[in-house]
Amino acid sequence: MKNRIIKIKKLSLANNLPLTLIAGPCQIESKDHCHMIASKIKEITNKLKIGFIFKSSFDKANRTSLKSKRGIGLDKSLSIFDYISKDLDIPILTDVHNEEQCKIVSEVVDVIQIPAFLELKDHPWFVGVQFHPELKSRPFSPHKIFISFIDAAIKNKNLNS
C-alpha cells in the first residue's frame, strides 16, 4: 500500500516516517504557560528527532466537574495560538464546538479536531464516541471500533488515489 505524506507546515506525517507527538496542556491557561510548555516539548521532540504538533483547547466543555473552568475562550486563544505557531515555528491543533468556530480557528491553527456531535456528511467513515476504546484495545485483541475503522479504510482506500 502506498504511503500518503501529509504536510503540515514544515512537518511531514506518514506511516513510514518518524513518530509525530501531538501534545500540550488540556486547556489554555495563559500565553506564558502555553509558550513554556510548547517550548519544552519542542526541545524534547527535537532531541528525539520526532515531529511535534502543539494541541490545547480554548473551551473544555467535557470537563469532569461543572465547577472547573472551561478555558479562556476563543477570542483570547486565537492570539496565543498565533504567537506560539510563529515564535516556535510549530503546527497548532485545537478542537471546536460548532461549525462557525471552524472558519474562525482555521485562520490561525493548522489542524482542527471536530467533535462527534458535528455530523460529517458524505464521509466514508465516521464515528462519535464518548468513551475511550483505546484503553480496552490490545494489538491482538482490538476493540470492535478499531476493526470497523480498518475495514472502512480498506474498502475506501482507492477513493483518494
Protein backbone atom coordinates (compact mmCIF):
# COMPACT_ATOMS: atom_id res chain seq x y z
CA MET A 1 0.00 0.00 0.00
CA LYS A 2 1.31 3.42 -0.95
CA ASN A 3 2.03 5.73 1.97
CA ARG A 4 0.49 9.17 1.79
CA ILE A 5 2.51 12.04 3.15
CA ILE A 6 0.55 14.71 4.98
CA LYS A 7 2.32 18.06 5.16
CA ILE A 8 1.57 20.48 7.98
CA LYS A 9 3.92 23.46 7.85
CA LYS A 10 7.45 22.00 7.72
CA LEU A 11 6.25 18.73 9.23
CA SER A 12 5.64 15.60 7.15
CA LEU A 13 3.50 12.78 8.52
CA ALA A 14 3.24 9.25 7.13
CA ASN A 15 3.28 5.66 8.36
CA ASN A 16 6.88 5.23 7.23
CA LEU A 17 8.15 8.47 8.81
CA PRO A 18 9.21 9.10 12.42
CA LEU A 19 6.53 9.50 15.06
CA THR A 20 4.81 12.86 15.50
CA LEU A 21 3.78 13.82 19.01
CA ILE A 22 0.56 15.79 19.50
CA ALA A 23 0.74 17.31 22.96
CA GLY A 24 0.08 20.36 25.09
CA PRO A 25 -1.96 21.49 28.08
CA CYS A 26 -5.54 20.27 28.23
CA GLN A 27 -6.76 23.84 28.12
CA ILE A 28 -5.15 27.20 27.61
CA GLU A 29 -4.47 29.00 30.87
CA SER A 30 -2.28 31.83 29.62
CA LYS A 31 0.10 32.82 26.83
CA ASP A 32 3.17 32.33 29.04
CA HIS A 33 2.01 28.94 30.30
CA CYS A 34 1.33 27.63 26.77
CA HIS A 35 4.60 29.00 25.43
CA MET A 36 6.59 27.44 28.26
CA ILE A 37 5.00 24.01 27.71
CA ALA A 38 5.29 24.19 23.91
CA SER A 39 8.96 25.26 24.19
CA LYS A 40 9.82 22.35 26.47
CA ILE A 41 8.01 19.80 24.31
CA LYS A 42 9.67 21.18 21.16
CA GLU A 43 13.07 20.90 22.85
CA ILE A 44 12.39 17.25 23.75
CA THR A 45 10.98 16.29 20.34
CA ASN A 46 13.92 17.97 18.59
CA LYS A 47 16.34 15.86 20.66
CA LEU A 48 14.34 12.73 19.81
CA LYS A 49 14.14 13.76 16.14
CA ILE A 50 10.36 13.35 16.02
CA GLY A 51 7.63 15.71 14.89
CA PHE A 52 5.55 17.88 17.22
CA ILE A 53 2.10 19.42 16.90
CA PHE A 54 1.01 21.66 19.78
CA LYS A 55 -2.54 20.94 21.00
CA SER A 56 -4.63 22.80 23.53
CA SER A 57 -8.29 23.70 23.93
CA PHE A 58 -9.84 27.12 24.32
CA ASP A 59 -13.04 25.64 25.77
CA LYS A 60 -13.25 22.36 27.70
CA ALA A 61 -16.95 21.59 27.58
CA ASN A 62 -16.35 17.95 28.54
CA ARG A 63 -14.54 18.53 31.81
CA THR A 64 -15.01 16.19 34.77
CA SER A 65 -16.53 18.79 37.09
CA LEU A 66 -19.05 21.51 36.29
CA LYS A 67 -17.23 23.66 38.85
CA SER A 68 -13.93 23.59 36.95
CA LYS A 69 -13.02 26.29 34.45
CA ARG A 70 -13.92 25.81 30.79
CA GLY A 71 -10.95 27.80 29.48
CA ILE A 72 -10.16 31.34 28.41
CA GLY A 73 -12.40 31.29 25.36
CA LEU A 74 -11.94 31.50 21.61
CA ASP A 75 -11.15 35.21 21.22
CA LYS A 76 -8.26 35.25 23.72
CA SER A 77 -6.92 31.91 22.46
CA LEU A 78 -6.51 32.92 18.82
CA SER A 79 -3.69 35.34 19.53
CA ILE A 80 -1.99 32.75 21.76
CA PHE A 81 -2.17 30.07 19.06
CA ASP A 82 -0.83 32.55 16.50
CA TYR A 83 2.03 33.65 18.78
CA ILE A 84 3.14 30.09 19.61
CA SER A 85 2.91 28.99 15.98
CA LYS A 86 5.03 31.86 14.71
CA ASP A 87 7.50 32.13 17.60
CA LEU A 88 8.26 28.41 17.82
CA ASP A 89 7.54 27.56 14.17
CA ILE A 90 5.30 24.62 15.06
CA PRO A 91 1.88 23.46 13.85
CA ILE A 92 -1.13 24.05 16.11
CA LEU A 93 -4.14 21.79 16.71
CA THR A 94 -7.30 22.65 18.62
CA ASP A 95 -10.84 21.39 18.88
CA VAL A 96 -14.06 23.24 18.05
CA HIS A 97 -17.60 23.05 19.38
CA ASN A 98 -19.70 24.33 16.49
CA GLU A 99 -19.45 24.83 12.74
CA GLU A 100 -18.92 28.61 12.98
CA GLN A 101 -15.73 28.08 15.02
CA CYS A 102 -14.20 26.01 12.19
CA LYS A 103 -13.89 29.06 9.94
CA ILE A 104 -12.59 31.27 12.75
CA VAL A 105 -9.87 28.92 14.02
CA SER A 106 -8.82 27.89 10.50
CA GLU A 107 -7.30 31.36 10.11
CA VAL A 108 -4.77 30.56 12.87
CA VAL A 109 -4.46 26.81 13.51
CA ASP A 110 -3.21 24.08 11.21
CA VAL A 111 -5.38 21.14 12.33
CA ILE A 112 -8.97 21.22 13.63
CA GLN A 113 -10.33 18.43 15.81
CA ILE A 114 -14.03 18.10 15.01
CA PRO A 115 -16.24 16.62 17.76
CA ALA A 116 -18.60 13.72 17.29
CA PHE A 117 -21.73 15.85 17.61
CA LEU A 118 -20.94 17.80 14.41
CA GLU A 119 -22.02 15.09 11.91
CA LEU A 120 -19.91 14.90 8.69
CA LYS A 121 -21.97 14.42 5.53
CA ASP A 122 -20.76 12.01 2.84
CA HIS A 123 -17.73 10.88 4.85
CA PRO A 124 -16.75 7.24 4.18
CA TRP A 125 -16.19 6.50 7.87
CA PHE A 126 -17.24 8.47 10.90
CA VAL A 127 -17.91 7.53 14.49
CA GLY A 128 -18.87 9.53 17.53
CA VAL A 129 -17.84 8.08 20.87
CA GLN A 130 -17.97 9.28 24.43
CA PHE A 131 -15.67 6.62 25.81
CA HIS A 132 -12.08 5.59 25.26
CA PRO A 133 -11.98 2.24 23.44
CA GLU A 134 -8.20 2.50 23.17
CA LEU A 135 -7.99 1.74 26.89
CA LYS A 136 -9.51 -1.71 26.32
CA SER A 137 -7.95 -2.46 22.94
CA ARG A 138 -4.84 -4.60 22.53
CA PRO A 139 -2.75 -5.39 19.42
CA PHE A 140 -4.02 -8.98 19.18
CA SER A 141 -7.44 -8.21 20.63
CA PRO A 142 -8.54 -4.88 19.14
CA HIS A 143 -11.75 -3.17 20.15
CA LYS A 144 -14.59 -3.59 17.60
CA ILE A 145 -14.48 0.11 16.74
CA PHE A 146 -10.87 -0.18 15.50
CA ILE A 147 -11.70 -3.27 13.44
CA SER A 148 -14.54 -1.28 11.84
CA PHE A 149 -12.20 1.62 11.12
CA ILE A 150 -9.64 -0.65 9.40
CA ASP A 151 -12.40 -2.33 7.37
CA ALA A 152 -13.70 1.07 6.20
CA ALA A 153 -10.17 2.24 5.36
CA ILE A 154 -9.54 -0.85 3.24
CA LYS A 155 -12.88 -0.51 1.42
CA ASN A 156 -12.27 3.18 0.71
CA LYS A 157 -8.52 3.16 0.09
CA ASN A 158 -8.91 3.99 -3.58
CA LEU A 159 -11.27 6.94 -3.07
CA ASN A 160 -8.47 9.49 -2.88
CA SER A 161 -5.86 7.75 -5.03
